[in-house]
Amino acid sequence: LLVGAGLLARSYATLSRVDPGFRAAGPVVVSVRFPWAEDTASAL
């Protein structure tokens, strides 16, 4: 898990002029990484 705040805000310093279509500041992201599933049972 990797947790981060304001992950999109820095990339959108000019958002006062442009609507990105999503919430640009505030979301927290959790990254979940797995080995690639080689079969259906692993994927499930």
PDB file of all heavy atoms in Angstrom:
ATOM      1  N   LEU A   1       0.843  -1.185   0.000  1.00  0.00           N
ATOM      2  CA  LEU A   1       0.000   0.000   0.000  1.00  0.00           C
ATOM      3  C   LEU A   1       0.879   1.235   0.000  1.00  0.00           C
ATOM      4  O   LEU A   1       1.828   1.327   0.768  1.00  0.00           O
ATOM      5  CB  LEU A   1      -0.873   0.044   1.260  1.00  0.00           C
ATOM      6  CG  LEU A   1      -1.965  -1.007   1.410  1.00  0.00           C
ATOM      7  CD1 LEU A   1      -2.710  -0.757   2.705  1.00  0.00           C
ATOM      8  CD2 LEU A   1      -2.902  -0.962   0.249  1.00  0.00           C
ATOM      9  N   LEU A   2       0.539   2.184  -0.838  1.00  0.00           N
ATOM     10  CA  LEU A   2       1.188   3.484  -0.812  1.00  0.00           C
ATOM     11  C   LEU A   2       0.085   4.520  -0.691  1.00  0.00           C
ATOM     12  O   LEU A   2      -0.801   4.589  -1.534  1.00  0.00           O
ATOM     13  CB  LEU A   2       1.987   3.726  -2.094  1.00  0.00           C
ATOM     14  CG  LEU A   2       3.091   2.709  -2.393  1.00  0.00           C
ATOM     15  CD1 LEU A   2       3.700   3.012  -3.753  1.00  0.00           C
ATOM     16  CD2 LEU A   2       4.155   2.762  -1.318  1.00  0.00           C
ATOM     17  N   VAL A   3       0.127   5.326   0.374  1.00  0.00           N
ATOM     18  CA  VAL A   3      -0.935   6.289   0.614  1.00  0.00           C
ATOM     19  C   VAL A   3      -0.394   7.686   0.405  1.00  0.00           C
ATOM     20  O   VAL A   3       0.653   8.037   0.935  1.00  0.00           O
ATOM     21  CB  VAL A   3      -1.479   6.152   2.058  1.00  0.00           C
ATOM     22  CG1 VAL A   3      -2.606   7.145   2.305  1.00  0.00           C
ATOM     23  CG2 VAL A   3      -1.982   4.735   2.284  1.00  0.00           C
ATOM     24  N   GLY A   4      -1.091   8.492  -0.397  1.00  0.00           N
ATOM     25  CA  GLY A   4      -0.632   9.848  -0.670  1.00  0.00           C
ATOM     26  C   GLY A   4      -1.774  10.833  -0.674  1.00  0.00           C
ATOM     27  O   GLY A   4      -2.876  10.503  -1.066  1.00  0.00           O
ATOM     28  N   ALA A   5      -1.521  12.056  -0.229  1.00  0.00           N
ATOM     29  CA  ALA A   5      -2.558  13.087  -0.203  1.00  0.00           C
ATOM     30  C   ALA A   5      -2.290  14.122  -1.272  1.00  0.00           C
ATOM     31  O   ALA A   5      -1.156  14.435  -1.581  1.00  0.00           O
ATOM     32  CB  ALA A   5      -2.575  13.762   1.173  1.00  0.00           C
ATOM     33  N   GLY A   6      -3.364  14.671  -1.801  1.00  0.00           N
ATOM     34  CA  GLY A   6      -3.224  15.732  -2.801  1.00  0.00           C
ATOM     35  C   GLY A   6      -2.447  15.274  -4.006  1.00  0.00           C
ATOM     36  O   GLY A   6      -1.707  16.047  -4.620  1.00  0.00           O
ATOM     37  N   LEU A   7      -2.605  14.006  -4.426  1.00  0.00           N
ATOM     38  CA  LEU A   7      -1.751  13.442  -5.458  1.00  0.00           C
ATOM     39  C   LEU A   7      -1.861  14.152  -6.784  1.00  0.00           C
ATOM     40  O   LEU A   7      -0.943  14.101  -7.586  1.00  0.00           O
ATOM     41  CB  LEU A   7      -2.072  11.958  -5.647  1.00  0.00           C
ATOM     42  CG  LEU A   7      -3.410  11.633  -6.349  1.00  0.00           C
ATOM     43  CD1 LEU A   7      -3.357  10.206  -6.876  1.00  0.00           C
ATOM     44  CD2 LEU A   7      -4.575  11.778  -5.392  1.00  0.00           C
ATOM     45  N   LEU A   8      -2.971  14.787  -7.032  1.00  0.00           N
ATOM     46  CA  LEU A   8      -3.162  15.406  -8.336  1.00  0.00           C
ATOM     47  C   LEU A   8      -2.965  16.906  -8.311  1.00  0.00           C
ATOM     48  O   LEU A   8      -2.886  17.543  -9.360  1.00  0.00           O
ATOM     49  CB  LEU A   8      -4.580  15.095  -8.847  1.00  0.00           C
ATOM     50  CG  LEU A   8      -4.922  13.612  -8.913  1.00  0.00           C
ATOM     51  CD1 LEU A   8      -6.378  13.432  -9.310  1.00  0.00           C
ATOM     52  CD2 LEU A   8      -4.025  12.909  -9.896  1.00  0.00           C
ATOM     53  N   ALA A   9      -2.887  17.497  -7.120  1.00  0.00           N
ATOM     54  CA  ALA A   9      -2.888  18.948  -7.038  1.00  0.00           C
ATOM     55  C   ALA A   9      -1.656  19.577  -7.680  1.00  0.00           C
ATOM     56  O   ALA A   9      -1.754  20.597  -8.365  1.00  0.00           O
ATOM     57  CB  ALA A   9      -2.988  19.381  -5.578  1.00  0.00           C
ATOM     58  N   ARG A  10      -0.489  18.978  -7.475  1.00  0.00           N
ATOM     59  CA  ARG A  10       0.737  19.589  -8.008  1.00  0.00           C
ATOM     60  C   ARG A  10       0.726  19.617  -9.533  1.00  0.00           C
ATOM     61  O   ARG A  10       1.222  20.547 -10.158  1.00  0.00           O
ATOM     62  CB  ARG A  10       1.957  18.822  -7.515  1.00  0.00           C
ATOM     63  CG  ARG A  10       2.265  19.084  -6.048  1.00  0.00           C
ATOM     64  CD  ARG A  10       3.580  18.451  -5.650  1.00  0.00           C
ATOM     65  NE  ARG A  10       3.897  18.719  -4.268  1.00  0.00           N
ATOM     66  CZ  ARG A  10       4.984  18.241  -3.665  1.00  0.00           C
ATOM     67  NH1 ARG A  10       5.824  17.481  -4.331  1.00  0.00           N
ATOM     68  NH2 ARG A  10       5.212  18.531  -2.399  1.00  0.00           N
ATOM     69  N   SER A  11       0.182  18.560 -10.136  1.00  0.00           N
ATOM     70  CA  SER A  11       0.140  18.518 -11.593  1.00  0.00           C
ATOM     71  C   SER A  11      -0.858  19.504 -12.171  1.00  0.00           C
ATOM     72  O   SER A  11      -0.878  19.739 -13.364  1.00  0.00           O
ATOM     73  CB  SER A  11      -0.227  17.107 -12.059  1.00  0.00           C
ATOM     74  OG  SER A  11       0.755  16.199 -11.654  1.00  0.00           O
ATOM     75  N   TYR A  12      -1.704  20.059 -11.316  1.00  0.00           N
ATOM     76  CA  TYR A  12      -2.746  20.964 -11.769  1.00  0.00           C
ATOM     77  C   TYR A  12      -2.640  22.341 -11.126  1.00  0.00           C
ATOM     78  O   TYR A  12      -3.586  22.881 -10.583  1.00  0.00           O
ATOM     79  CB  TYR A  12      -4.119  20.352 -11.495  1.00  0.00           C
ATOM     80  CG  TYR A  12      -4.489  19.369 -12.568  1.00  0.00           C
ATOM     81  CD1 TYR A  12      -4.203  18.030 -12.415  1.00  0.00           C
ATOM     82  CD2 TYR A  12      -5.085  19.789 -13.751  1.00  0.00           C
ATOM     83  CE1 TYR A  12      -4.508  17.124 -13.405  1.00  0.00           C
ATOM     84  CE2 TYR A  12      -5.388  18.884 -14.749  1.00  0.00           C
ATOM     85  CZ  TYR A  12      -5.106  17.566 -14.573  1.00  0.00           C
ATOM     86  OH  TYR A  12      -5.393  16.665 -15.556  1.00  0.00           O
ATOM     87  N   ALA A  13      -1.463  22.920 -11.215  1.00  0.00           N
ATOM     88  CA  ALA A  13      -1.265  24.254 -10.665  1.00  0.00           C
ATOM     89  C   ALA A  13      -2.081  25.298 -11.414  1.00  0.00           C
ATOM     90  O   ALA A  13      -2.382  26.366 -10.892  1.00  0.00           O
ATOM     91  CB  ALA A  13       0.221  24.621 -10.723  1.00  0.00           C
ATOM     92  N   THR A  14      -2.455  24.999 -12.647  1.00  0.00           N
ATOM     93  CA  THR A  14      -3.199  25.962 -13.462  1.00  0.00           C
ATOM     94  C   THR A  14      -4.689  25.650 -13.515  1.00  0.00           C
ATOM     95  O   THR A  14      -5.398  26.087 -14.409  1.00  0.00           O
ATOM     96  CB  THR A  14      -2.652  25.969 -14.902  1.00  0.00           C
ATOM     97  OG1 THR A  14      -2.811  24.668 -15.467  1.00  0.00           O
ATOM     98  CG2 THR A  14      -1.199  26.364 -14.925  1.00  0.00           C
ATOM     99  N   LEU A  15      -5.197  24.886 -12.532  1.00  0.00           N
ATOM    100  CA  LEU A  15      -6.587  24.461 -12.585  1.00  0.00           C
ATOM    101  C   LEU A  15      -7.585  25.601 -12.458  1.00  0.00           C
ATOM    102  O   LEU A  15      -8.760  25.409 -12.726  1.00  0.00           O
ATOM    103  CB  LEU A  15      -6.855  23.443 -11.482  1.00  0.00           C
ATOM    104  CG  LEU A  15      -6.474  22.013 -11.855  1.00  0.00           C
ATOM    105  CD1 LEU A  15      -6.825  21.073 -10.737  1.00  0.00           C
ATOM    106  CD2 LEU A  15      -7.178  21.585 -13.120  1.00  0.00           C
ATOM    107  N   SER A  16      -7.140  26.776 -12.031  1.00  0.00           N
ATOM    108  CA  SER A  16      -8.067  27.898 -11.964  1.00  0.00           C
ATOM    109  C   SER A  16      -8.589  28.256 -13.356  1.00  0.00           C
ATOM    110  O   SER A  16      -9.628  28.887 -13.486  1.00  0.00           O
ATOM    111  CB  SER A  16      -7.368  29.121 -11.350  1.00  0.00           C
ATOM    112  OG  SER A  16      -6.240  29.483 -12.124  1.00  0.00           O
ATOM    113  N   ARG A  17      -7.868  27.838 -14.389  1.00  0.00           N
ATOM    114  CA  ARG A  17      -8.271  28.150 -15.755  1.00  0.00           C
ATOM    115  C   ARG A  17      -8.874  26.952 -16.483  1.00  0.00           C
ATOM    116  O   ARG A  17      -9.521  27.121 -17.500  1.00  0.00           O
ATOM    117  CB  ARG A  17      -7.073  28.657 -16.566  1.00  0.00           C
ATOM    118  CG  ARG A  17      -6.405  29.886 -15.987  1.00  0.00           C
ATOM    119  CD  ARG A  17      -5.429  30.480 -16.991  1.00  0.00           C
ATOM    120  NE  ARG A  17      -4.422  29.523 -17.432  1.00  0.00           N
ATOM    121  CZ  ARG A  17      -3.273  29.322 -16.804  1.00  0.00           C
ATOM    122  NH1 ARG A  17      -2.985  29.991 -15.707  1.00  0.00           N
ATOM    123  NH2 ARG A  17      -2.393  28.451 -17.272  1.00  0.00           N
ATOM    124  N   VAL A  18      -8.642  25.741 -15.992  1.00  0.00           N
ATOM    125  CA  VAL A  18      -9.052  24.540 -16.719  1.00  0.00           C
ATOM    126  C   VAL A  18      -9.799  23.594 -15.771  1.00  0.00           C
ATOM    127  O   VAL A  18      -9.342  23.330 -14.665  1.00  0.00           O
ATOM    128  CB  VAL A  18      -7.827  23.805 -17.311  1.00  0.00           C
ATOM    129  CG1 VAL A  18      -8.262  22.534 -18.032  1.00  0.00           C
ATOM    130  CG2 VAL A  18      -7.065  24.715 -18.260  1.00  0.00           C
ATOM    131  N   ASP A  19     -10.942  23.091 -16.222  1.00  0.00           N
ATOM    132  CA  ASP A  19     -11.678  22.069 -15.474  1.00  0.00           C
ATOM    133  C   ASP A  19     -11.186  20.700 -15.911  1.00  0.00           C
ATOM    134  O   ASP A  19     -11.379  20.306 -17.063  1.00  0.00           O
ATOM    135  CB  ASP A  19     -13.172  22.202 -15.754  1.00  0.00           C
ATOM    136  CG  ASP A  19     -13.985  21.136 -15.030  1.00  0.00           C
ATOM    137  OD1 ASP A  19     -13.418  20.417 -14.189  1.00  0.00           O
ATOM    138  OD2 ASP A  19     -15.193  21.028 -15.319  1.00  0.00           O
ATOM    139  N   PRO A  20     -10.541  19.938 -15.011  1.00  0.00           N
ATOM    140  CA  PRO A  20     -10.001  18.642 -15.427  1.00  0.00           C
ATOM    141  C   PRO A  20     -11.065  17.564 -15.568  1.00  0.00           C
ATOM    142  O   PRO A  20     -10.809  16.498 -16.118  1.00  0.00           O
ATOM    143  CB  PRO A  20      -9.036  18.291 -14.299  1.00  0.00           C
ATOM    144  CG  PRO A  20      -9.670  18.914 -13.100  1.00  0.00           C
ATOM    145  CD  PRO A  20     -10.271  20.211 -13.585  1.00  0.00           C
ATOM    146  N   GLY A  21     -12.260  17.813 -15.035  1.00  0.00           N
ATOM    147  CA  GLY A  21     -13.318  16.826 -15.116  1.00  0.00           C
ATOM    148  C   GLY A  21     -13.365  15.884 -13.927  1.00  0.00           C
ATOM    149  O   GLY A  21     -14.192  14.976 -13.879  1.00  0.00           O
ATOM    150  N   PHE A  22     -12.478  16.081 -12.946  1.00  0.00           N
ATOM    151  CA  PHE A  22     -12.456  15.237 -11.761  1.00  0.00           C
ATOM    152  C   PHE A  22     -11.949  16.048 -10.582  1.00  0.00           C
ATOM    153  O   PHE A  22     -11.483  17.166 -10.739  1.00  0.00           O
ATOM    154  CB  PHE A  22     -11.584  13.997 -11.970  1.00  0.00           C
ATOM    155  CG  PHE A  22     -10.138  14.315 -12.300  1.00  0.00           C
ATOM    156  CD1 PHE A  22      -9.188  14.443 -11.303  1.00  0.00           C
ATOM    157  CD2 PHE A  22      -9.736  14.490 -13.619  1.00  0.00           C
ATOM    158  CE1 PHE A  22      -7.866  14.747 -11.609  1.00  0.00           C
ATOM    159  CE2 PHE A  22      -8.424  14.783 -13.942  1.00  0.00           C
ATOM    160  CZ  PHE A  22      -7.488  14.915 -12.927  1.00  0.00           C
ATOM    161  N   ARG A  23     -12.061  15.469  -9.398  1.00  0.00           N
ATOM    162  CA  ARG A  23     -11.601  16.135  -8.176  1.00  0.00           C
ATOM    163  C   ARG A  23     -10.081  16.132  -8.163  1.00  0.00           C
ATOM    164  O   ARG A  23      -9.445  15.109  -7.993  1.00  0.00           O
ATOM    165  CB  ARG A  23     -12.157  15.399  -6.952  1.00  0.00           C
ATOM    166  CG  ARG A  23     -11.837  16.067  -5.623  1.00  0.00           C
ATOM    167  CD  ARG A  23     -12.408  15.258  -4.471  1.00  0.00           C
ATOM    168  NE  ARG A  23     -13.863  15.260  -4.456  1.00  0.00           N
ATOM    169  CZ  ARG A  23     -14.621  14.201  -4.702  1.00  0.00           C
ATOM    170  NH1 ARG A  23     -14.054  13.038  -5.005  1.00  0.00           N
ATOM    171  NH2 ARG A  23     -15.934  14.271  -4.658  1.00  0.00           N
ATOM    172  N   ALA A  24      -9.474  17.320  -8.321  1.00  0.00           N
ATOM    173  CA  ALA A  24      -8.033  17.385  -8.529  1.00  0.00           C
ATOM    174  C   ALA A  24      -7.232  17.395  -7.241  1.00  0.00           C
ATOM    175  O   ALA A  24      -6.040  17.151  -7.259  1.00  0.00           O
ATOM    176  CB  ALA A  24      -7.678  18.634  -9.334  1.00  0.00           C
ATOM    177  N   ALA A  25      -7.846  17.714  -6.120  1.00  0.00           N
ATOM    178  CA  ALA A  25      -7.113  17.768  -4.854  1.00  0.00           C
ATOM    179  C   ALA A  25      -7.895  16.998  -3.805  1.00  0.00           C
ATOM    180  O   ALA A  25      -9.118  17.014  -3.781  1.00  0.00           O
ATOM    181  CB  ALA A  25      -6.913  19.211  -4.414  1.00  0.00           C
ATOM    182  N   GLY A  26      -7.175  16.297  -2.958  1.00  0.00           N
ATOM    183  CA  GLY A  26      -7.823  15.643  -1.845  1.00  0.00           C
ATOM    184  C   GLY A  26      -7.871  14.126  -1.892  1.00  0.00           C
ATOM    185  O   GLY A  26      -7.797  13.496  -0.842  1.00  0.00           O
ATOM    186  N   PRO A  27      -8.004  13.466  -3.058  1.00  0.00           N
ATOM    187  CA  PRO A  27      -8.082  12.004  -3.022  1.00  0.00           C
ATOM    188  C   PRO A  27      -6.809  11.375  -2.457  1.00  0.00           C
ATOM    189  O   PRO A  27      -5.713  11.892  -2.620  1.00  0.00           O
ATOM    190  CB  PRO A  27      -8.262  11.620  -4.498  1.00  0.00           C
ATOM    191  CG  PRO A  27      -8.794  12.835  -5.156  1.00  0.00           C
ATOM    192  CD  PRO A  27      -8.185  13.981  -4.418  1.00  0.00           C
ATOM    193  N   VAL A  28      -6.990  10.269  -1.787  1.00  0.00           N
ATOM    194  CA  VAL A  28      -5.893   9.457  -1.283  1.00  0.00           C
ATOM    195  C   VAL A  28      -5.841   8.198  -2.140  1.00  0.00           C
ATOM    196  O   VAL A  28      -6.872   7.630  -2.484  1.00  0.00           O
ATOM    197  CB  VAL A  28      -6.123   9.093   0.196  1.00  0.00           C
ATOM    198  CG1 VAL A  28      -5.069   8.112   0.688  1.00  0.00           C
ATOM    199  CG2 VAL A  28      -6.118  10.351   1.060  1.00  0.00           C
ATOM    200  N   VAL A  29      -4.645   7.772  -2.506  1.00  0.00           N
ATOM    201  CA  VAL A  29      -4.498   6.598  -3.369  1.00  0.00           C
ATOM    202  C   VAL A  29      -3.778   5.484  -2.620  1.00  0.00           C
ATOM    203  O   VAL A  29      -2.765   5.706  -1.967  1.00  0.00           O
ATOM    204  CB  VAL A  29      -3.702   6.951  -4.643  1.00  0.00           C
ATOM    205  CG1 VAL A  29      -3.340   5.678  -5.403  1.00  0.00           C
ATOM    206  CG2 VAL A  29      -4.520   7.862  -5.534  1.00  0.00           C
ATOM    207  N   VAL A  30      -4.312   4.282  -2.718  1.00  0.00           N
ATOM    208  CA  VAL A  30      -3.673   3.085  -2.188  1.00  0.00           C
ATOM    209  C   VAL A  30      -3.310   2.218  -3.386  1.00  0.00           C
ATOM    210  O   VAL A  30      -4.178   1.847  -4.172  1.00  0.00           O
ATOM    211  CB  VAL A  30      -4.618   2.316  -1.248  1.00  0.00           C
ATOM    212  CG1 VAL A  30      -3.965   1.029  -0.774  1.00  0.00           C
ATOM    213  CG2 VAL A  30      -5.017   3.182  -0.060  1.00  0.00           C
ATOM    214  N   SER A  31      -2.046   1.931  -3.540  1.00  0.00           N
ATOM    215  CA  SER A  31      -1.581   1.128  -4.671  1.00  0.00           C
ATOM    216  C   SER A  31      -1.397  -0.314  -4.223  1.00  0.00           C
ATOM    217  O   SER A  31      -0.647  -0.599  -3.299  1.00  0.00           O
ATOM    218  CB  SER A  31      -0.254   1.686  -5.201  1.00  0.00           C
ATOM    219  OG  SER A  31       0.232   0.880  -6.247  1.00  0.00           O
ATOM    220  N   VAL A  32      -2.104  -1.230  -4.882  1.00  0.00           N
ATOM    221  CA  VAL A  32      -2.030  -2.654  -4.559  1.00  0.00           C
ATOM    222  C   VAL A  32      -1.404  -3.371  -5.739  1.00  0.00           C
ATOM    223  O   VAL A  32      -1.969  -3.372  -6.834  1.00  0.00           O
ATOM    224  CB  VAL A  32      -3.437  -3.231  -4.273  1.00  0.00           C
ATOM    225  CG1 VAL A  32      -3.338  -4.686  -3.845  1.00  0.00           C
ATOM    226  CG2 VAL A  32      -4.156  -2.397  -3.230  1.00  0.00           C
ATOM    227  N   ARG A  33      -0.247  -3.972  -5.533  1.00  0.00           N
ATOM    228  CA  ARG A  33       0.470  -4.624  -6.629  1.00  0.00           C
ATOM    229  C   ARG A  33       0.550  -6.129  -6.398  1.00  0.00           C
ATOM    230  O   ARG A  33       0.893  -6.582  -5.317  1.00  0.00           O
ATOM    231  CB  ARG A  33       1.880  -4.041  -6.765  1.00  0.00           C
ATOM    232  CG  ARG A  33       1.889  -2.568  -7.172  1.00  0.00           C
ATOM    233  CD  ARG A  33       3.311  -2.089  -7.423  1.00  0.00           C
ATOM    234  NE  ARG A  33       3.330  -0.711  -7.879  1.00  0.00           N
ATOM    235  CZ  ARG A  33       3.452   0.341  -7.090  1.00  0.00           C
ATOM    236  NH1 ARG A  33       3.578   0.151  -5.796  1.00  0.00           N
ATOM    237  NH2 ARG A  33       3.441   1.559  -7.581  1.00  0.00           N
ATOM    238  N   PHE A  34       0.249  -6.881  -7.439  1.00  0.00           N
ATOM    239  CA  PHE A  34       0.308  -8.329  -7.401  1.00  0.00           C
ATOM    240  C   PHE A  34       1.250  -8.847  -8.481  1.00  0.00           C
ATOM    241  O   PHE A  34       1.468  -8.173  -9.487  1.00  0.00           O
ATOM    242  CB  PHE A  34      -1.073  -8.934  -7.698  1.00  0.00           C
ATOM    243  CG  PHE A  34      -2.117  -8.695  -6.658  1.00  0.00           C
ATOM    244  CD1 PHE A  34      -3.105  -7.749  -6.864  1.00  0.00           C
ATOM    245  CD2 PHE A  34      -2.116  -9.419  -5.487  1.00  0.00           C
ATOM    246  CE1 PHE A  34      -4.088  -7.537  -5.921  1.00  0.00           C
ATOM    247  CE2 PHE A  34      -3.095  -9.214  -4.531  1.00  0.00           C
ATOM    248  CZ  PHE A  34      -4.081  -8.275  -4.747  1.00  0.00           C
ATOM    249  N   PRO A  35       1.757 -10.066  -8.313  1.00  0.00           N
ATOM    250  CA  PRO A  35       2.374 -10.731  -9.460  1.00  0.00           C
ATOM    251  C   PRO A  35       1.285 -10.947 -10.517  1.00  0.00           C
ATOM    252  O   PRO A  35       0.101 -11.046 -10.190  1.00  0.00           O
ATOM    253  CB  PRO A  35       2.846 -12.077  -8.886  1.00  0.00           C
ATOM    254  CG  PRO A  35       2.834 -11.905  -7.410  1.00  0.00           C
ATOM    255  CD  PRO A  35       1.775 -10.899  -7.105  1.00  0.00           C
ATOM    256  N   TRP A  36       1.661 -11.017 -11.784  1.00  0.00           N
ATOM    257  CA  TRP A  36       0.673 -11.211 -12.843  1.00  0.00           C
ATOM    258  C   TRP A  36      -0.012 -12.566 -12.679  1.00  0.00           C
ATOM    259  O   TRP A  36       0.647 -13.582 -12.451  1.00  0.00           O
ATOM    260  CB  TRP A  36       1.334 -11.138 -14.209  1.00  0.00           C
ATOM    261  CG  TRP A  36       0.322 -11.135 -15.303  1.00  0.00           C
ATOM    262  CD1 TRP A  36      -0.055 -12.191 -16.075  1.00  0.00           C
ATOM    263  CD2 TRP A  36      -0.481 -10.038 -15.711  1.00  0.00           C
ATOM    264  NE1 TRP A  36      -1.053 -11.811 -16.953  1.00  0.00           N
ATOM    265  CE2 TRP A  36      -1.332 -10.491 -16.747  1.00  0.00           C
ATOM    266  CE3 TRP A  36      -0.574  -8.699 -15.311  1.00  0.00           C
ATOM    267  CZ2 TRP A  36      -2.251  -9.673 -17.387  1.00  0.00           C
ATOM    268  CZ3 TRP A  36      -1.490  -7.878 -15.948  1.00  0.00           C
ATOM    269  CH2 TRP A  36      -2.319  -8.358 -16.968  1.00  0.00           C
ATOM    270  N   ALA A  37      -1.342 -12.583 -12.765  1.00  0.00           N
ATOM    271  CA  ALA A  37      -2.105 -13.827 -12.623  1.00  0.00           C
ATOM    272  C   ALA A  37      -1.915 -14.699 -13.853  1.00  0.00           C
ATOM    273  O   ALA A  37      -2.231 -14.283 -14.963  1.00  0.00           O
ATOM    274  CB  ALA A  37      -3.579 -13.512 -12.420  1.00  0.00           C
ATOM    275  N   GLU A  38      -1.413 -15.893 -13.652  1.00  0.00           N
ATOM    276  CA  GLU A  38      -1.141 -16.784 -14.779  1.00  0.00           C
ATOM    277  C   GLU A  38      -2.324 -17.686 -15.122  1.00  0.00           C
ATOM    278  O   GLU A  38      -2.341 -18.313 -16.172  1.00  0.00           O
ATOM    279  CB  GLU A  38       0.077 -17.663 -14.458  1.00  0.00           C
ATOM    280  CG  GLU A  38       1.365 -16.880 -14.241  1.00  0.00           C
ATOM    281  CD  GLU A  38       1.875 -16.224 -15.517  1.00  0.00           C
ATOM    282  OE1 GLU A  38       1.423 -16.628 -16.608  1.00  0.00           O
ATOM    283  OE2 GLU A  38       2.702 -15.306 -15.416  1.00  0.00           O
ATOM    284  N   ASP A  39      -3.316 -17.771 -14.231  1.00  0.00           N
ATOM    285  CA  ASP A  39      -4.460 -18.641 -14.481  1.00  0.00           C
ATOM    286  C   ASP A  39      -5.696 -18.050 -13.817  1.00  0.00           C
ATOM    287  O   ASP A  39      -5.624 -17.086 -13.056  1.00  0.00           O
ATOM    288  CB  ASP A  39      -4.193 -20.064 -13.966  1.00  0.00           C
ATOM    289  CG  ASP A  39      -3.718 -20.068 -12.512  1.00  0.00           C
ATOM    290  OD1 ASP A  39      -4.426 -19.491 -11.665  1.00  0.00           O
ATOM    291  OD2 ASP A  39      -2.649 -20.644 -12.241  1.00  0.00           O
ATOM    292  N   THR A  40      -6.842 -18.657 -14.130  1.00  0.00           N
ATOM    293  CA  THR A  40      -8.114 -18.145 -13.622  1.00  0.00           C
ATOM    294  C   THR A  40      -8.189 -18.196 -12.105  1.00  0.00           C
ATOM    295  O   THR A  40      -8.678 -17.260 -11.455  1.00  0.00           O
ATOM    296  CB  THR A  40      -9.280 -18.946 -14.225  1.00  0.00           C
ATOM    297  OG1 THR A  40      -9.243 -18.839 -15.642  1.00  0.00           O
ATOM    298  CG2 THR A  40     -10.617 -18.427 -13.714  1.00  0.00           C
ATOM    299  N   ALA A  41      -7.685 -19.287 -11.513  1.00  0.00           N
ATOM    300  CA  ALA A  41      -7.745 -19.415 -10.055  1.00  0.00           C
ATOM    301  C   ALA A  41      -6.955 -18.296  -9.367  1.00  0.00           C
ATOM    302  O   ALA A  41      -7.417 -17.710  -8.379  1.00  0.00           O
ATOM    303  CB  ALA A  41      -7.215 -20.778  -9.624  1.00  0.00           C
ATOM    304  N   SER A  42      -5.776 -17.986  -9.901  1.00  0.00           N
ATOM    305  CA  SER A  42      -4.972 -16.897  -9.328  1.00  0.00           C
ATOM    306  C   SER A  42      -5.676 -15.559  -9.490  1.00  0.00           C
ATOM    307  O   SER A  42      -5.675 -14.721  -8.575  1.00  0.00           O
ATOM    308  CB  SER A  42      -3.600 -16.847  -9.997  1.00  0.00           C
ATOM    309  OG  SER A  42      -2.875 -18.024  -9.769  1.00  0.00           O
ATOM    310  N   ALA A  43      -6.303 -15.356 -10.652  1.00  0.00           N
ATOM    311  CA  ALA A  43      -7.016 -14.097 -10.891  1.00  0.00           C
ATOM    312  C   ALA A  43      -8.167 -13.937  -9.919  1.00  0.00           C
ATOM    313  O   ALA A  43      -8.388 -12.847  -9.374  1.00  0.00           O
ATOM    314  CB  ALA A  43      -7.524 -14.061 -12.330  1.00  0.00           C
ATOM    315  N   LEU A  44      -8.906 -15.020  -9.658  1.00  0.00           N
ATOM    316  CA  LEU A  44     -10.028 -14.936  -8.728  1.00  0.00           C
ATOM    317  C   LEU A  44      -9.557 -14.646  -7.314  1.00  0.00           C
ATOM    318  O   LEU A  44     -10.197 -13.883  -6.582  1.00  0.00           O
ATOM    319  CB  LEU A  44     -10.830 -16.241  -8.774  1.00  0.00           C
ATOM    320  CG  LEU A  44     -11.596 -16.511 -10.071  1.00  0.00           C
ATOM    321  CD1 LEU A  44     -12.252 -17.889 -10.025  1.00  0.00           C
ATOM    322  CD2 LEU A  44     -12.640 -15.426 -10.319  1.00  0.00           C
TER     323      LEU A  44
END
